Protein backbone atom coordinates (compact mmCIF):
# COMPACT_ATOMS: atom_id res chain seq x y z
CA MET A 1 -0.10 -0.09 -0.11
CA LYS A 2 1.26 3.46 -1.22
CA THR A 3 2.01 5.73 1.54
CA LYS A 4 0.97 9.36 1.32
CA LYS A 5 1.69 12.83 2.89
CA TYR A 6 0.76 15.80 3.28
CA THR A 7 -0.06 19.16 5.87
CA ALA A 8 -3.67 20.61 6.29
CA ALA A 9 -4.36 23.50 8.72
CA GLY A 10 -7.91 24.10 9.91
CA GLY A 11 -9.84 26.57 12.01
CA VAL A 12 -11.64 25.62 15.42
CA VAL A 13 -13.96 28.38 15.84
CA ILE A 14 -15.53 29.55 18.94
CA HIS A 15 -18.86 32.09 19.01
CA GLN A 16 -21.01 32.52 21.91
CA ASN A 17 -19.90 29.30 24.02
CA ARG A 18 -20.78 27.90 20.65
CA MET A 19 -18.38 25.94 17.93
CA LEU A 20 -18.82 25.53 14.57
CA LEU A 21 -18.77 22.55 13.36
CA LEU A 22 -19.24 20.89 9.69
CA ASP A 23 -21.89 18.70 8.99
CA ARG A 24 -20.60 16.09 6.04
CA PRO A 25 -23.65 13.97 5.54
CA SER A 26 -22.44 12.50 2.42
CA ARG A 27 -19.26 10.48 4.36
CA ASN A 28 -22.05 10.43 7.53
CA GLU A 29 -19.43 12.32 9.01
CA VAL A 30 -18.63 15.76 11.47
CA ARG A 31 -15.35 17.14 11.11
CA LEU A 32 -13.74 20.86 12.29
CA PRO A 33 -13.35 22.50 8.82
CA LYS A 34 -9.56 22.47 7.55
CA GLY A 35 -7.76 21.15 4.35
CA HIS A 36 -4.19 20.85 2.25
CA ILE A 37 -1.90 24.02 2.86
CA ASP A 38 -1.66 25.58 -0.77
CA PRO A 39 1.86 25.93 -2.03
CA GLY A 40 3.19 29.63 -0.96
CA GLU A 41 0.48 29.75 1.82
CA SER A 42 1.53 29.85 5.44
CA ALA A 43 -1.08 26.91 7.91
CA GLU A 44 -2.72 30.18 9.47
CA MET A 45 -3.59 31.42 5.44
CA THR A 46 -4.62 28.01 4.78
CA ALA A 47 -6.72 27.71 8.33
CA LEU A 48 -8.39 31.45 7.14
CA ARG A 49 -8.90 30.34 3.73
CA GLU A 50 -10.30 26.86 4.21
CA THR A 51 -12.40 28.22 7.34
CA THR A 52 -13.88 30.50 4.75
CA GLU A 53 -14.31 28.09 2.26
CA GLU A 54 -16.43 25.20 4.44
CA ALA A 55 -18.20 27.66 5.98
CA GLY A 56 -18.07 31.19 4.70
CA TYR A 57 -17.26 32.73 7.67
CA SER A 58 -14.69 35.35 6.26
CA ASP A 59 -14.12 38.04 9.17
CA LEU A 60 -12.44 35.72 11.46
CA GLU A 61 -9.69 36.41 14.03
CA ILE A 62 -6.93 34.11 15.00
CA MET A 63 -6.62 33.57 18.64
CA ALA A 64 -3.78 31.20 19.09
CA ASP A 65 -1.86 28.77 17.92
CA LEU A 66 -3.57 25.46 19.37
CA GLY A 67 -0.34 23.06 17.86
CA SER A 68 -0.23 20.32 15.75
CA GLN A 69 -0.71 16.61 15.02
CA ILE A 70 0.12 13.62 13.26
CA VAL A 71 -3.15 11.48 11.61
CA GLU A 72 -2.80 8.32 9.85
CA PHE A 73 -5.49 6.14 7.95
CA GLU A 74 -6.60 4.19 5.25
CA TYR A 75 -8.32 5.63 2.74
CA LYS A 76 -9.28 4.77 -1.07
CA GLY A 77 -6.13 2.16 -0.73
CA HIS A 78 -3.62 4.09 0.13
CA HIS A 79 -2.15 4.67 3.72
CA TYR A 80 -1.74 8.62 4.58
CA VAL A 81 -0.21 10.16 7.17
CA ARG A 82 -0.82 13.98 7.29
CA THR A 83 -0.01 16.48 9.46
CA GLU A 84 -2.53 19.23 11.33
CA HIS A 85 -2.41 22.57 12.70
CA TYR A 86 -5.05 23.64 14.62
CA TYR A 87 -5.56 27.90 15.22
CA LEU A 88 -8.43 29.10 17.43
CA MET A 89 -10.76 31.71 16.45
CA GLN A 90 -13.34 34.17 16.48
CA LEU A 91 -16.10 35.39 14.23
CA ALA A 92 -14.79 39.08 14.04
CA SER A 93 -18.54 38.87 12.11
CA GLU A 94 -21.18 37.10 11.68
CA ALA A 95 -21.84 37.75 8.43
CA GLN A 96 -21.70 34.52 6.26
CA GLU A 97 -20.32 34.56 2.85
CA PRO A 98 -22.01 32.77 0.26
CA ARG A 99 -19.91 29.32 -0.61
CA ASN A 100 -19.67 27.81 -4.21
CA ALA A 101 -22.04 24.65 -4.78
CA LYS A 102 -19.68 21.98 -4.20
CA ASP A 103 -18.63 23.32 -0.13
CA ALA A 104 -22.62 24.30 0.39
CA ALA A 105 -23.78 20.80 -0.87
CA ASP A 106 -20.78 19.22 1.27
CA PHE A 107 -20.32 20.95 4.23
CA VAL A 108 -23.49 21.54 6.12
CA VAL A 109 -22.41 24.61 9.26
CA ALA A 110 -23.50 23.23 13.07
CA TRP A 111 -22.85 25.36 15.68
CA THR A 112 -22.80 23.02 19.02
CA PRO A 113 -22.95 24.25 21.70
CA LEU A 114 -19.34 23.82 23.79
CA SER A 115 -20.65 20.72 25.89
CA GLU A 116 -22.09 17.97 23.37
CA VAL A 117 -18.54 19.19 20.68
CA VAL A 118 -16.68 16.01 21.86
CA ASP A 119 -19.78 13.81 21.49
CA LYS A 120 -20.37 14.86 17.95
CA LEU A 121 -17.03 14.86 16.55
CA THR A 122 -16.71 11.57 14.75
CA PHE A 123 -12.84 11.40 15.05
CA ALA A 124 -11.09 11.30 18.09
CA ALA A 125 -8.04 13.70 16.91
CA GLU A 126 -10.82 15.81 16.31
CA GLN A 127 -12.26 15.88 19.79
CA GLN A 128 -9.22 15.88 21.24
CA THR A 129 -8.58 19.41 19.16
CA ALA A 130 -11.92 20.72 19.97
CA GLN A 131 -11.32 19.72 23.80
CA LYS A 132 -7.56 21.82 23.68
CA ALA A 133 -9.18 24.87 21.59
CA ILE A 134 -12.18 24.65 24.59
CA ASP A 135 -9.80 24.77 27.16
CA LYS A 136 -7.36 27.43 25.47
CA PHE A 137 -10.49 29.46 25.23
CA ALA A 138 -11.20 29.58 29.12
CA GLU A 139 -7.94 30.11 30.04
CA LEU A 140 -8.18 33.20 27.95
CA LYS A 141 -11.41 34.42 29.72
CA LEU A 142 -13.30 34.16 26.80
CA ILE A 143 -15.89 32.39 28.25
CA ASP A 144 -18.89 33.69 29.28
């Protein structure tokens, strides 16, 4: 089995004690926004871009670097090794921009109470990242 390695970055957006999750009905998954880092992009730029593309929110502020993790998985006959970088974000504005048709069809935005987030996310690595974001948000005294 061939191994493919790549790097991704994503945003963990918390607003009014809720976290932005993405429901992907076609895959029966609930995820955090993230995607591949394009050539010439920083991880921060990618996290902002991917969150905007997948969820439609563009007026975002990065509050903290949540670090990185390595995730390994099998998909369509390949073994993937993905390094994921995550950033804690908050909305500067609730205005949502139109998304392209594919992202709008693939991702249903689900603002989820912080107390329910870990149970809703499909994958353990993202559950851990979400908990880290909640802890950091509390540390920054941003939770009401």
